Amino acid sequence: MDAELLRYVKRALRKGYSEQRIVHQLTKQGWKRSEARQAIREAKDTDRSKGVILLGVVVVIVLAGITSVAWYLITASGDQAETDPEMLDPVNTSEENATNESAVNDTEPVVSECERRDGSRAKFSCYQSKLRSNLTSVDCRLLPQPDRRLCTHAYEQAAVR
């Protein structure tokens, strides 16, 4: 197909000319009727394929957005557990929490030896071993960050097992 003929037909279709008028103009310029109709078909097919590609790109963008929002919501709900006291220590009820907090404030916290460890991995292992021996022996809420996060993660791992 002649590239110049195809450009002419595409331009005419975009301007809103009817197919009959385009065929009429092309035959007046010396093109065969069959060539003019073939050029119109190809011009329409090219425009449709661009539309399909554009639609595919839009679908991919929308799906990526939905996936990102879902991932954010799942991640955000996991972060909430680290800051919500009720989620941190589900073993204790609120009445027990008041008793435990006053008892912990009067004495040295059980987890102090873990806090003194160097490195996140060592602290995590310490919390994990304490939690495995007794899930109520560590109150993660009383720890400063990032130890609170390590303790909470160790608690979740110990509770699963």
Protein backbone atom coordinates (compact mmCIF):
# COMPACT_ATOMS: atom_id res chain seq x y z
CA MET A 1 0.00 0.00 0.00
CA ASP A 2 1.27 3.43 -0.94
CA ALA A 3 2.23 5.32 2.26
CA GLU A 4 1.14 8.68 0.83
CA LEU A 5 -2.29 7.28 -0.13
CA LEU A 6 -2.71 5.82 3.37
CA ARG A 7 -1.79 9.17 5.00
CA TYR A 8 -4.28 10.99 2.78
CA VAL A 9 -7.09 8.56 3.67
CA LYS A 10 -6.33 8.71 7.41
CA ARG A 11 -6.34 12.51 7.34
CA ALA A 12 -9.64 12.58 5.41
CA LEU A 13 -11.29 10.12 7.84
CA ARG A 14 -10.11 12.17 10.84
CA LYS A 15 -11.62 15.28 9.27
CA GLY A 16 -14.93 13.44 9.01
CA TYR A 17 -15.24 12.90 5.27
CA SER A 18 -17.44 9.96 4.25
CA GLU A 19 -15.94 6.90 2.63
CA GLN A 20 -17.86 7.56 -0.60
CA ARG A 21 -16.46 11.08 -0.84
CA ILE A 22 -12.90 9.83 -0.21
CA VAL A 23 -13.28 7.11 -2.89
CA HIS A 24 -14.75 9.71 -5.30
CA GLN A 25 -11.83 12.13 -4.73
CA LEU A 26 -9.22 9.38 -5.15
CA THR A 27 -10.77 8.08 -8.38
CA LYS A 28 -10.76 11.65 -9.72
CA GLN A 29 -7.01 11.77 -8.96
CA GLY A 30 -6.39 8.54 -10.90
CA TRP A 31 -6.54 5.86 -8.21
CA LYS A 32 -8.56 2.71 -8.82
CA ARG A 33 -11.75 2.29 -6.81
CA SER A 34 -10.44 -1.00 -5.33
CA GLU A 35 -7.20 0.72 -4.21
CA ALA A 36 -9.17 3.51 -2.55
CA ARG A 37 -11.40 1.05 -0.65
CA GLN A 38 -8.36 -1.00 0.40
CA ALA A 39 -6.67 2.17 1.70
CA ILE A 40 -9.79 3.02 3.73
CA ARG A 41 -9.87 -0.49 5.25
CA GLU A 42 -6.19 -0.32 6.20
CA ALA A 43 -6.56 3.17 7.66
CA LYS A 44 -9.46 2.02 9.85
CA ASP A 45 -7.61 -1.14 10.95
CA THR A 46 -4.57 0.93 11.94
CA ASP A 47 -6.72 3.28 14.02
CA ARG A 48 -8.46 0.33 15.72
CA SER A 49 -5.17 -1.33 16.62
CA LYS A 50 -3.97 1.91 18.20
CA GLY A 51 -7.18 2.01 20.21
CA VAL A 52 -6.69 -1.57 21.39
CA ILE A 53 -3.11 -0.83 22.42
CA LEU A 54 -4.21 2.30 24.26
CA LEU A 55 -6.96 0.36 26.01
CA GLY A 56 -4.43 -2.29 27.05
CA VAL A 57 -2.12 0.36 28.50
CA VAL A 58 -5.00 1.92 30.45
CA VAL A 59 -6.03 -1.48 31.84
CA VAL A 60 -2.45 -2.19 32.97
CA ILE A 61 -2.22 1.21 34.68
CA VAL A 62 -5.55 0.71 36.46
CA LEU A 63 -4.58 -2.80 37.62
CA ALA A 64 -1.22 -1.52 38.85
CA GLY A 65 -3.01 1.21 40.80
CA ILE A 66 -5.44 -1.25 42.37
CA THR A 67 -2.59 -3.57 43.29
CA SER A 68 -0.63 -0.70 44.83
CA VAL A 69 -3.60 0.44 46.91
CA ALA A 70 -4.30 -3.11 48.08
CA TRP A 71 -0.63 -3.62 49.00
CA TYR A 72 -0.62 -0.32 50.89
CA LEU A 73 -3.77 -1.23 52.82
CA ILE A 74 -2.40 -4.65 53.74
CA THR A 75 0.92 -3.15 54.81
CA ALA A 76 -0.76 -0.31 56.72
CA SER A 77 -2.93 -2.74 58.67
CA GLY A 78 0.21 -4.66 59.65
CA ASP A 79 1.87 -1.43 60.88
CA GLN A 80 -1.17 -0.66 63.02
CA ALA A 81 -0.50 -3.78 65.06
CA GLU A 82 2.86 -2.32 66.08
CA THR A 83 1.31 0.87 67.48
CA ASP A 84 -1.98 -0.42 68.92
CA PRO A 85 -1.37 -1.62 72.50
CA GLU A 86 -4.26 -4.10 72.35
CA MET A 87 -2.75 -5.70 69.25
CA LEU A 88 0.76 -5.88 70.76
CA ASP A 89 -0.08 -8.00 73.77
CA PRO A 90 -3.29 -9.91 73.10
CA VAL A 91 -2.56 -12.33 75.95
CA ASN A 92 -3.30 -9.71 78.62
CA THR A 93 -6.74 -8.23 79.19
CA SER A 94 -7.03 -4.52 79.99
CA GLU A 95 -7.38 -5.24 83.76
CA GLU A 96 -4.27 -7.40 83.66
CA ASN A 97 -2.46 -4.65 81.73
CA ALA A 98 -2.93 -2.16 84.54
CA THR A 99 -1.62 -4.70 87.07
CA ASN A 100 1.32 -5.70 84.88
CA GLU A 101 2.27 -2.11 84.09
CA SER A 102 2.43 -1.13 87.75
CA ALA A 103 4.38 -4.28 88.58
CA VAL A 104 6.83 -3.63 85.74
CA ASN A 105 7.28 0.00 86.73
CA ASP A 106 8.20 -1.05 90.29
CA THR A 107 10.82 -3.57 89.20
CA GLU A 108 13.38 -3.84 86.46
CA PRO A 109 11.78 -5.01 83.19
CA VAL A 110 12.32 -8.65 82.27
CA VAL A 111 13.53 -7.71 78.80
CA SER A 112 16.39 -5.45 79.92
CA GLU A 113 19.00 -8.07 79.05
CA CYS A 114 17.69 -8.20 75.46
CA GLU A 115 17.79 -4.42 75.19
CA ARG A 116 21.48 -4.42 76.13
CA ARG A 117 22.39 -6.78 73.27
CA ASP A 118 24.19 -5.34 70.26
CA GLY A 119 22.54 -5.62 66.88
CA SER A 120 18.98 -6.28 65.78
CA ARG A 121 19.55 -9.98 65.12
CA ALA A 122 20.88 -10.59 68.66
CA LYS A 123 18.02 -8.65 70.25
CA PHE A 124 15.45 -10.48 68.11
CA SER A 125 16.89 -13.87 69.11
CA CYS A 126 16.82 -12.89 72.77
CA TYR A 127 13.17 -11.77 72.58
CA GLN A 128 12.28 -14.92 70.69
CA SER A 129 13.83 -17.21 73.30
CA LYS A 130 12.14 -15.35 76.17
CA LEU A 131 8.79 -15.44 74.39
CA ARG A 132 9.11 -19.15 73.60
CA SER A 133 9.64 -19.93 77.27
CA ASN A 134 6.70 -17.78 78.44
CA LEU A 135 4.56 -15.64 76.10
CA THR A 136 3.54 -13.31 78.95
CA SER A 137 7.11 -12.67 80.18
CA VAL A 138 7.71 -9.79 77.77
CA ASP A 139 5.60 -6.66 77.40
CA CYS A 140 6.65 -5.23 74.04
CA ARG A 141 4.73 -2.00 74.63
CA LEU A 142 7.22 -0.84 77.25
CA LEU A 143 10.18 -0.98 74.89
CA PRO A 144 11.51 1.93 72.87
CA GLN A 145 11.57 1.72 69.08
CA PRO A 146 13.12 -0.19 67.25
CA ASP A 147 13.20 -2.77 70.08
CA ARG A 148 9.39 -2.63 70.29
CA ARG A 149 9.16 -3.65 66.64
CA LEU A 150 11.68 -6.49 67.09
CA CYS A 151 9.86 -7.72 70.19
CA THR A 152 6.48 -7.57 68.46
CA HIS A 153 7.82 -9.52 65.49
CA ALA A 154 9.35 -12.12 67.83
CA TYR A 155 6.03 -12.32 69.69
CA GLU A 156 4.14 -12.94 66.45
CA GLN A 157 6.63 -15.65 65.44
CA ALA A 158 6.43 -17.32 68.87
CA ALA A 159 2.61 -17.16 68.94
CA VAL A 160 2.39 -18.87 65.55
CA ARG A 161 4.44 -21.83 66.75
